[in-house]
Amino acid sequence: MSIRAFALPDVGEGLTEAEIVTWRIVVGDQIDVNQPIVDIETAKAVVELPSPFTGRVVALLADAGAVVPVGATILEVEVSDREPVLVGYGVGHETGRRRHLRGAAPAAAAAPAGPATKPLAKPPVRALARELGIDLATVPPTGPRGDITRDDVRRAAPVAQAAPERPVRGERRPVRGVQRTMAQAMMRSVSQAPHVTEWVDVDVSQTMALVRRLRAEPEFADARVTPLTIAAAAVLHAIHRTPIINSSWIDLPDGTAEIEVYPCVNLGLAVASPRGLVVPNVRDAGSLSLSGLARATTDLTERARNGQLTPADSVEGTITITNIGVFGVDGGTPILNPGEAAILAIGRVIDRPWVVEGGLAVRPVIQLSLSFDHRIVDGAAGSTFLADVAAYLHFPPL
């Protein structure tokens, strides 16, 4: 008797790793060649692996849920020294390196002989046979070592039955960390707050001229001035006229509710970071000068993209801006950051035909999209706020 190791095979799909889904055996079980022993999940499908040996299970070396690299040993079996090995799974050096010579007959004789012989087939082939209801024992093998191929299975299918490929399955990725938190927050937001979205297009010729002028001023030398800088200032300006935008809906334990209008603005900036979508905020943004606001937004976005944010950077925001224009997008319907009454999306700056004093001109234009919680902000307040932001960007009072 000897101990044989079974390494996780490639199963013919070019894998690098797979997850152990379910073991169908336990230590001490007696197993046979081709007996299903474990289900693994690859990037493409869930695959049933058959045993390459007949013998007694002495060790399972990977727990269910573990991600195992191809080639790692997952099973040890005590076998007789002359135990045949399933084609395609770690056979001896001589068999594993032998080439099928061109023109030679299929090596059906290489399969184990005798009444205990079972059909030899790799997991994808066995799965196809199950889908088509084909008994592999009835399929003549044409593989190079007496194994059954996909084509063999398809030929054995009834003429009236098509032999479809396995359904295509995309790569499965665990939802963890920032992505999980963001997904939960977005679900909570859309399920609790009735969203309304309004749009307006704005000629930002003056804003673009201001950006160019500020970039040349020494006061802004250590900050990155962009249209987002001016949009942030526009939001702060518009809140003075419509303070209800900067608020939250509070459900109380007794079933009643209150609206909390904040005295200062913690301005959130939605940033696509390496860890996922994050929304850090500039604390008390209304107290900053324009240069201070430019430095604060520059610092915040750079730290977000470099993974250097602290937990305190992303709490207690009161209103959010998302700059989707950096991705070449014109506009959208942003989802509220939970606990906030409004979020403003800024689209890309793009040259468009524009009517100026009765004539047609080409002007840089952006689209603003404002989503707001209709429990807190009615249409008049939302429209007033959005119009004020647009007016500021059209003709910034600086």
Protein backbone atom coordinates (compact mmCIF):
# COMPACT_ATOMS: atom_id res chain seq x y z
CA MET A 1 0.00 0.00 0.00
CA SER A 2 1.10 3.57 -0.60
CA ILE A 3 -0.20 7.13 -0.19
CA ARG A 4 -1.08 8.96 -3.41
CA ALA A 5 -1.60 12.71 -3.58
CA PHE A 6 -4.23 14.35 -5.79
CA ALA A 7 -3.30 17.87 -6.92
CA LEU A 8 -5.95 20.35 -8.06
CA PRO A 9 -5.99 19.96 -11.87
CA ASP A 10 -6.40 22.58 -14.58
CA VAL A 11 -9.55 20.78 -15.88
CA GLY A 12 -8.70 22.02 -19.37
CA GLU A 13 -9.78 25.65 -18.81
CA GLY A 14 -6.44 27.39 -18.27
CA LEU A 15 -7.09 27.92 -14.56
CA THR A 16 -4.70 29.35 -12.02
CA GLU A 17 -6.89 28.66 -8.97
CA ALA A 18 -10.31 27.44 -7.87
CA GLU A 19 -12.47 27.46 -4.76
CA ILE A 20 -13.42 24.28 -2.93
CA VAL A 21 -17.22 24.34 -2.82
CA THR A 22 -18.23 20.97 -1.35
CA TRP A 23 -16.43 17.77 -0.43
CA ARG A 24 -18.54 14.68 -1.21
CA ILE A 25 -16.31 12.41 0.87
CA VAL A 26 -14.81 12.32 4.35
CA VAL A 27 -11.62 10.85 5.77
CA GLY A 28 -11.93 7.08 6.00
CA ASP A 29 -14.26 6.69 3.01
CA GLN A 30 -13.45 4.00 0.43
CA ILE A 31 -13.57 5.56 -3.04
CA ASP A 32 -13.30 4.29 -6.62
CA VAL A 33 -11.80 5.69 -9.80
CA ASN A 34 -14.14 8.24 -11.40
CA GLN A 35 -16.29 8.58 -8.28
CA PRO A 36 -17.30 12.25 -7.79
CA ILE A 37 -15.39 13.51 -4.77
CA VAL A 38 -15.45 17.32 -4.75
CA ASP A 39 -17.14 20.31 -6.40
CA ILE A 40 -14.88 23.25 -7.24
CA GLU A 41 -15.79 26.69 -8.50
CA THR A 42 -13.59 28.17 -11.20
CA ALA A 43 -13.84 31.57 -12.85
CA LYS A 44 -16.16 29.95 -15.39
CA ALA A 45 -18.26 27.29 -13.70
CA VAL A 46 -18.84 24.89 -10.84
CA VAL A 47 -17.05 21.66 -11.79
CA GLU A 48 -17.36 18.17 -10.32
CA LEU A 49 -14.00 16.41 -9.95
CA PRO A 50 -13.83 12.59 -10.06
CA SER A 51 -11.40 10.52 -8.04
CA PRO A 52 -8.18 9.58 -9.85
CA PHE A 53 -7.65 6.59 -7.52
CA THR A 54 -9.31 3.64 -5.87
CA GLY A 55 -8.51 3.48 -2.20
CA ARG A 56 -9.17 4.88 1.27
CA VAL A 57 -9.26 8.63 1.95
CA VAL A 58 -6.61 9.52 4.52
CA ALA A 59 -6.58 13.34 4.29
CA LEU A 60 -8.59 16.28 2.90
CA LEU A 61 -6.07 19.12 2.64
CA ALA A 62 -8.36 22.04 1.75
CA ASP A 63 -11.50 23.16 3.55
CA ALA A 64 -14.72 24.11 1.80
CA GLY A 65 -14.51 27.78 0.88
CA ALA A 66 -10.72 27.74 0.46
CA VAL A 67 -9.21 29.15 -2.74
CA VAL A 68 -6.53 26.72 -3.92
CA PRO A 69 -3.90 27.23 -6.65
CA VAL A 70 -3.73 24.72 -9.47
CA GLY A 71 -1.15 22.07 -8.62
CA ALA A 72 -1.69 22.20 -4.86
CA THR A 73 -2.44 18.87 -3.18
CA ILE A 74 -6.03 18.71 -1.96
CA LEU A 75 -6.46 14.99 -1.23
CA GLU A 76 -4.41 11.98 -0.08
CA VAL A 77 -5.56 8.41 -0.69
CA GLU A 78 -4.11 5.10 0.45
CA VAL A 79 -3.99 2.84 -2.61
CA SER A 80 -2.54 -0.46 -3.70
CA ASP A 81 0.83 -0.09 -5.43
CA ARG A 82 -0.63 -1.10 -8.80
CA GLU A 83 -3.67 1.22 -8.58
CA PRO A 84 -4.52 2.72 -12.01
CA VAL A 85 -4.77 6.49 -12.29
CA LEU A 86 -7.50 8.50 -14.03
CA VAL A 87 -6.40 10.00 -17.35
CA GLY A 88 -5.49 13.68 -17.14
CA TYR A 89 -4.86 14.02 -13.39
CA GLY A 90 -1.28 13.72 -12.29
CA VAL A 91 -0.40 10.35 -13.82
CA GLY A 92 3.10 8.92 -13.60
CA HIS A 93 5.96 10.60 -15.42
CA GLU A 94 6.09 8.11 -18.26
CA THR A 95 2.37 8.24 -18.98
CA GLY A 96 2.15 12.01 -18.41
CA ARG A 97 4.94 12.76 -20.92
CA ARG A 98 4.02 10.24 -23.62
CA ARG A 99 2.89 11.93 -26.83
CA HIS A 100 0.14 10.63 -29.08
CA LEU A 101 1.90 9.89 -32.37
CA ARG A 102 0.38 11.25 -35.54
CA GLY A 103 -1.48 8.47 -37.37
CA ALA A 104 -1.37 6.04 -34.45
CA ALA A 105 -4.55 4.34 -33.33
CA PRO A 106 -6.25 5.73 -30.20
CA ALA A 107 -4.66 4.17 -27.15
CA ALA A 108 -7.83 2.64 -25.82
CA ALA A 109 -5.76 -0.22 -24.45
CA ALA A 110 -4.15 2.21 -22.00
CA ALA A 111 -7.38 2.35 -20.00
CA PRO A 112 -7.65 0.02 -17.01
CA ALA A 113 -8.93 -3.38 -18.11
CA GLY A 114 -11.33 -5.80 -16.51
CA PRO A 115 -14.87 -5.67 -15.22
CA ALA A 116 -14.07 -2.73 -12.87
CA THR A 117 -13.17 -0.44 -15.81
CA LYS A 118 -15.15 2.82 -15.80
CA PRO A 119 -15.46 5.44 -18.55
CA LEU A 120 -12.57 7.89 -18.51
CA ALA A 121 -13.52 11.53 -19.03
CA LYS A 122 -12.41 14.92 -17.74
CA PRO A 123 -14.81 16.99 -15.60
CA PRO A 124 -16.05 19.34 -18.40
CA VAL A 125 -16.90 16.29 -20.51
CA ARG A 126 -18.70 14.58 -17.63
CA ALA A 127 -20.69 17.77 -16.99
CA LEU A 128 -21.73 17.95 -20.65
CA ALA A 129 -22.86 14.32 -20.52
CA ARG A 130 -25.01 15.06 -17.46
CA GLU A 131 -26.62 18.02 -19.23
CA LEU A 132 -27.47 15.92 -22.26
CA GLY A 133 -28.57 12.88 -20.25
CA ILE A 134 -25.86 10.67 -21.79
CA ASP A 135 -24.56 7.59 -19.96
CA LEU A 136 -20.80 7.70 -20.46
CA ALA A 137 -20.66 3.89 -20.34
CA THR A 138 -22.47 3.86 -23.71
CA VAL A 139 -20.12 6.34 -25.42
CA PRO A 140 -17.27 4.97 -27.58
CA PRO A 141 -14.08 6.86 -26.62
CA THR A 142 -11.80 8.42 -29.24
CA GLY A 143 -9.45 10.34 -26.94
CA PRO A 144 -5.68 9.79 -27.22
CA ARG A 145 -5.60 7.52 -24.14
CA GLY A 146 -9.01 5.96 -24.37
CA ASP A 147 -10.79 8.90 -22.73
CA ILE A 148 -14.14 10.29 -23.86
CA THR A 149 -14.11 13.72 -25.49
CA ARG A 150 -16.78 16.42 -25.85
CA ASP A 151 -17.26 15.44 -29.48
CA ASP A 152 -17.82 11.82 -28.42
CA VAL A 153 -20.61 12.95 -26.08
CA ARG A 154 -22.22 15.16 -28.71
CA ARG A 155 -22.18 12.34 -31.26
CA ALA A 156 -23.93 10.10 -28.73
CA ALA A 157 -26.74 12.62 -28.19
CA PRO A 158 -30.07 11.95 -29.97
CA VAL A 159 -30.28 13.59 -33.39
CA ALA A 160 -33.23 15.75 -32.39
CA GLN A 161 -31.39 17.05 -29.33
CA ALA A 162 -29.00 19.90 -29.79
CA ALA A 163 -25.75 19.70 -27.89
CA PRO A 164 -25.35 23.18 -26.45
CA GLU A 165 -22.21 24.42 -24.80
CA ARG A 166 -22.32 24.97 -21.06
CA PRO A 167 -23.90 28.32 -20.18
CA VAL A 168 -21.31 31.07 -20.00
CA ARG A 169 -20.71 32.23 -16.44
CA GLY A 170 -18.88 35.40 -15.53
CA GLU A 171 -16.14 35.73 -12.98
CA ARG A 172 -17.44 35.78 -9.41
CA ARG A 173 -15.83 38.19 -7.01
CA PRO A 174 -16.52 38.47 -3.29
CA VAL A 175 -18.16 41.74 -2.22
CA ARG A 176 -16.06 43.03 0.65
CA GLY A 177 -14.73 46.14 2.31
CA VAL A 178 -15.52 49.51 0.73
CA GLN A 179 -17.54 47.96 -2.08
CA ARG A 180 -19.79 46.12 0.37
CA THR A 181 -20.23 49.25 2.50
CA MET A 182 -21.06 51.33 -0.57
CA ALA A 183 -23.55 48.78 -1.88
CA GLN A 184 -25.35 48.63 1.47
CA ALA A 185 -25.42 52.43 1.70
CA MET A 186 -26.87 52.82 -1.80
CA MET A 187 -29.58 50.21 -1.14
CA ARG A 188 -30.47 51.93 2.11
CA SER A 189 -30.59 55.31 0.39
CA VAL A 190 -32.88 54.35 -2.51
CA SER A 191 -35.18 52.33 -0.24
CA GLN A 192 -35.63 55.08 2.34
CA ALA A 193 -35.43 58.39 0.47
CA PRO A 194 -37.76 59.28 -2.44
CA HIS A 195 -35.29 60.55 -5.04
CA VAL A 196 -36.06 63.35 -7.49
CA THR A 197 -33.51 64.39 -10.13
CA GLU A 198 -33.41 67.64 -12.12
CA TRP A 199 -31.01 68.73 -14.87
CA VAL A 200 -29.77 71.97 -16.35
CA ASP A 201 -27.17 72.75 -19.03
CA VAL A 202 -24.84 75.67 -18.37
CA ASP A 203 -22.55 77.80 -20.55
CA VAL A 204 -19.36 77.80 -18.48
CA SER A 205 -17.23 80.11 -20.61
CA GLN A 206 -16.67 82.45 -17.66
CA THR A 207 -15.91 79.57 -15.30
CA MET A 208 -13.27 78.19 -17.65
CA ALA A 209 -11.71 81.65 -18.00
CA LEU A 210 -11.66 81.97 -14.20
CA VAL A 211 -9.98 78.56 -13.84
CA ARG A 212 -7.23 79.63 -16.24
CA ARG A 213 -6.74 82.93 -14.39
CA LEU A 214 -6.60 81.38 -10.92
CA ARG A 215 -4.06 78.77 -12.01
CA ALA A 216 -1.66 81.60 -12.79
CA GLU A 217 -2.05 83.32 -9.41
CA PRO A 218 0.57 82.65 -6.69
CA GLU A 219 -2.16 82.14 -4.07
CA PHE A 220 -3.24 78.96 -5.90
CA ALA A 221 0.25 77.62 -6.65
CA ASP A 222 -0.09 74.70 -4.23
CA ALA A 223 -3.63 73.73 -5.31
CA ARG A 224 -5.15 72.18 -8.41
CA VAL A 225 -7.82 74.55 -9.67
CA THR A 226 -10.47 72.87 -11.82
CA PRO A 227 -14.14 73.46 -12.71
CA LEU A 228 -14.89 71.31 -9.63
CA THR A 229 -13.31 74.03 -7.47
CA ILE A 230 -15.71 76.62 -8.83
CA ALA A 231 -18.63 74.18 -8.61
CA ALA A 232 -17.85 73.64 -4.91
CA ALA A 233 -17.91 77.39 -4.37
CA ALA A 234 -21.20 77.57 -6.29
CA VAL A 235 -22.79 74.94 -4.02
CA LEU A 236 -21.70 76.83 -0.91
CA HIS A 237 -23.08 80.06 -2.38
CA ALA A 238 -26.44 78.48 -3.31
CA ILE A 239 -26.91 76.94 0.15
CA HIS A 240 -27.16 80.42 1.66
CA ARG A 241 -30.38 80.96 -0.31
CA THR A 242 -31.74 77.42 0.12
CA PRO A 243 -30.39 76.10 3.46
CA ILE A 244 -32.86 73.19 3.51
CA ILE A 245 -30.61 71.51 0.92
CA ASN A 246 -28.00 71.10 3.67
CA SER A 247 -30.03 68.90 6.00
CA SER A 248 -31.09 65.40 7.05
CA TRP A 249 -34.29 63.49 7.75
CA ILE A 250 -34.29 62.07 11.28
CA ASP A 251 -36.68 59.25 12.24
CA LEU A 252 -37.46 59.34 15.95
CA PRO A 253 -38.13 56.31 18.21
CA ASP A 254 -41.76 57.35 18.76
CA GLY A 255 -42.52 57.11 15.03
CA THR A 256 -42.36 60.84 14.34
CA ALA A 257 -39.63 62.58 12.37
CA GLU A 258 -37.59 65.76 12.32
CA ILE A 259 -35.52 67.60 9.73
CA GLU A 260 -32.12 68.72 10.97
CA VAL A 261 -30.78 71.74 9.07
CA TYR A 262 -27.04 72.00 9.59
CA PRO A 263 -25.35 75.30 10.51
CA CYS A 264 -22.20 74.45 8.55
CA VAL A 265 -21.43 72.56 5.34
CA ASN A 266 -19.33 69.39 5.38
CA LEU A 267 -18.92 69.13 1.61
CA GLY A 268 -18.58 65.53 0.40
CA LEU A 269 -16.64 64.64 -2.74
CA ALA A 270 -17.37 61.28 -4.36
CA VAL A 271 -14.03 59.78 -5.42
CA ALA A 272 -13.26 56.55 -7.31
CA SER A 273 -10.39 55.17 -5.23
CA PRO A 274 -8.44 51.89 -5.62
CA ARG A 275 -10.62 50.47 -2.80
CA GLY A 276 -13.89 51.54 -4.43
CA LEU A 277 -16.18 54.55 -4.21
CA VAL A 278 -15.49 56.75 -1.18
CA VAL A 279 -17.05 60.05 -0.12
CA PRO A 280 -14.70 62.03 2.13
CA ASN A 281 -15.76 65.54 3.04
CA VAL A 282 -14.26 68.99 3.52
CA ARG A 283 -15.19 70.01 7.06
CA ASP A 284 -16.90 73.40 7.43
CA ALA A 285 -16.20 74.16 3.78
CA GLY A 286 -18.14 77.43 3.97
CA SER A 287 -15.52 78.94 6.27
CA LEU A 288 -12.75 78.56 3.66
CA SER A 289 -11.53 81.06 1.12
CA LEU A 290 -11.57 79.97 -2.52
CA SER A 291 -7.86 79.15 -2.35
CA GLY A 292 -8.40 77.24 0.89
CA LEU A 293 -11.28 75.35 -0.71
CA ALA A 294 -9.08 74.50 -3.70
CA ARG A 295 -6.31 73.19 -1.43
CA ALA A 296 -8.75 71.19 0.70
CA THR A 297 -10.45 69.50 -2.28
CA THR A 298 -7.06 68.79 -3.88
CA ASP A 299 -5.72 67.23 -0.68
CA LEU A 300 -8.86 65.18 -0.11
CA THR A 301 -9.09 63.72 -3.61
CA GLU A 302 -5.35 62.91 -3.73
CA ARG A 303 -5.45 61.14 -0.38
CA ALA A 304 -8.55 59.22 -1.46
CA ARG A 305 -6.88 58.03 -4.66
CA ASN A 306 -3.71 57.08 -2.78
CA GLY A 307 -5.61 55.12 -0.13
CA GLN A 308 -4.58 57.53 2.65
CA LEU A 309 -7.99 58.54 4.01
CA THR A 310 -8.77 58.13 7.69
CA PRO A 311 -12.20 56.97 8.95
CA ALA A 312 -12.89 60.51 10.17
CA ASP A 313 -12.60 61.87 6.62
CA SER A 314 -15.77 60.11 5.48
CA VAL A 315 -18.27 60.72 8.27
CA GLU A 316 -20.76 63.52 9.01
CA GLY A 317 -21.01 64.80 5.44
CA THR A 318 -24.00 67.08 4.79
CA ILE A 319 -24.12 67.39 0.97
CA THR A 320 -22.11 65.74 -1.84
CA ILE A 321 -20.68 66.59 -5.24
CA THR A 322 -19.79 63.84 -7.73
CA ASN A 323 -17.68 64.81 -10.72
CA ILE A 324 -18.72 62.26 -13.35
CA GLY A 325 -17.35 64.47 -16.10
CA VAL A 326 -13.84 63.13 -15.49
CA PHE A 327 -15.06 59.86 -17.02
CA GLY A 328 -16.33 61.57 -20.18
CA VAL A 329 -19.97 61.42 -19.07
CA ASP A 330 -22.46 64.22 -19.72
CA GLY A 331 -24.89 63.60 -16.85
CA GLY A 332 -26.75 61.06 -14.75
CA THR A 333 -29.07 60.43 -11.82
CA PRO A 334 -26.83 60.28 -8.73
CA ILE A 335 -27.95 58.41 -5.62
CA LEU A 336 -27.97 60.28 -2.34
CA ASN A 337 -25.29 59.58 0.22
CA PRO A 338 -27.34 58.19 3.15
CA GLY A 339 -28.34 60.87 5.64
CA GLU A 340 -27.98 63.72 3.16
CA ALA A 341 -30.72 65.68 1.38
CA ALA A 342 -28.97 66.32 -1.95
CA ILE A 343 -26.15 65.33 -4.30
CA LEU A 344 -24.95 67.27 -7.33
CA ALA A 345 -23.42 65.51 -10.36
CA ILE A 346 -21.19 67.54 -12.67
CA GLY A 347 -20.82 66.36 -16.25
CA ARG A 348 -17.96 66.88 -18.68
CA VAL A 349 -17.17 70.23 -20.26
CA ILE A 350 -17.92 69.94 -23.97
CA ASP A 351 -18.17 72.43 -26.81
CA ARG A 352 -21.77 72.78 -28.02
CA PRO A 353 -23.78 75.15 -30.18
CA TRP A 354 -25.31 77.81 -27.93
CA VAL A 355 -27.58 80.75 -28.55
CA VAL A 356 -25.86 84.00 -27.51
CA GLU A 357 -27.73 87.31 -27.94
CA GLY A 358 -29.90 85.89 -30.68
CA GLY A 359 -27.00 84.33 -32.60
CA LEU A 360 -25.47 80.88 -32.66
CA ALA A 361 -22.05 80.33 -31.08
CA VAL A 362 -19.90 77.46 -29.86
CA ARG A 363 -19.56 77.50 -26.07
CA PRO A 364 -18.15 75.16 -23.39
CA VAL A 365 -21.19 73.61 -21.71
CA ILE A 366 -21.68 71.29 -18.75
CA GLN A 367 -24.76 69.49 -17.46
CA LEU A 368 -25.64 69.66 -13.78
CA SER A 369 -27.79 66.86 -12.30
CA LEU A 370 -29.26 67.37 -8.84
CA SER A 371 -30.88 64.49 -6.93
CA PHE A 372 -32.67 65.36 -3.70
CA ASP A 373 -34.76 63.74 -0.97
CA HIS A 374 -38.33 64.78 -1.74
CA ARG A 375 -39.37 64.28 1.89
CA ILE A 376 -37.15 67.24 2.76
CA VAL A 377 -36.73 69.28 -0.40
CA ASP A 378 -39.73 70.18 -2.50
CA GLY A 379 -39.57 70.98 -6.20
CA ALA A 380 -39.35 74.73 -5.67
CA ALA A 381 -36.42 74.48 -3.25
CA GLY A 382 -34.56 71.94 -5.41
CA SER A 383 -35.08 74.00 -8.55
CA THR A 384 -34.01 77.23 -6.85
CA PHE A 385 -30.83 75.65 -5.55
CA LEU A 386 -29.93 74.12 -8.93
CA ALA A 387 -30.65 77.39 -10.76
CA ASP A 388 -28.42 79.29 -8.32
CA VAL A 389 -25.54 76.85 -8.85
CA ALA A 390 -25.98 77.17 -12.62
CA ALA A 391 -26.08 80.98 -12.45
CA TYR A 392 -22.86 81.02 -10.40
CA LEU A 393 -21.05 78.82 -12.93
CA HIS A 394 -22.39 80.83 -15.86
CA PHE A 395 -21.10 84.07 -14.36
CA PRO A 396 -18.96 83.48 -11.25
CA PRO A 397 -18.97 86.60 -9.06
CA LEU A 398 -15.19 86.57 -8.51
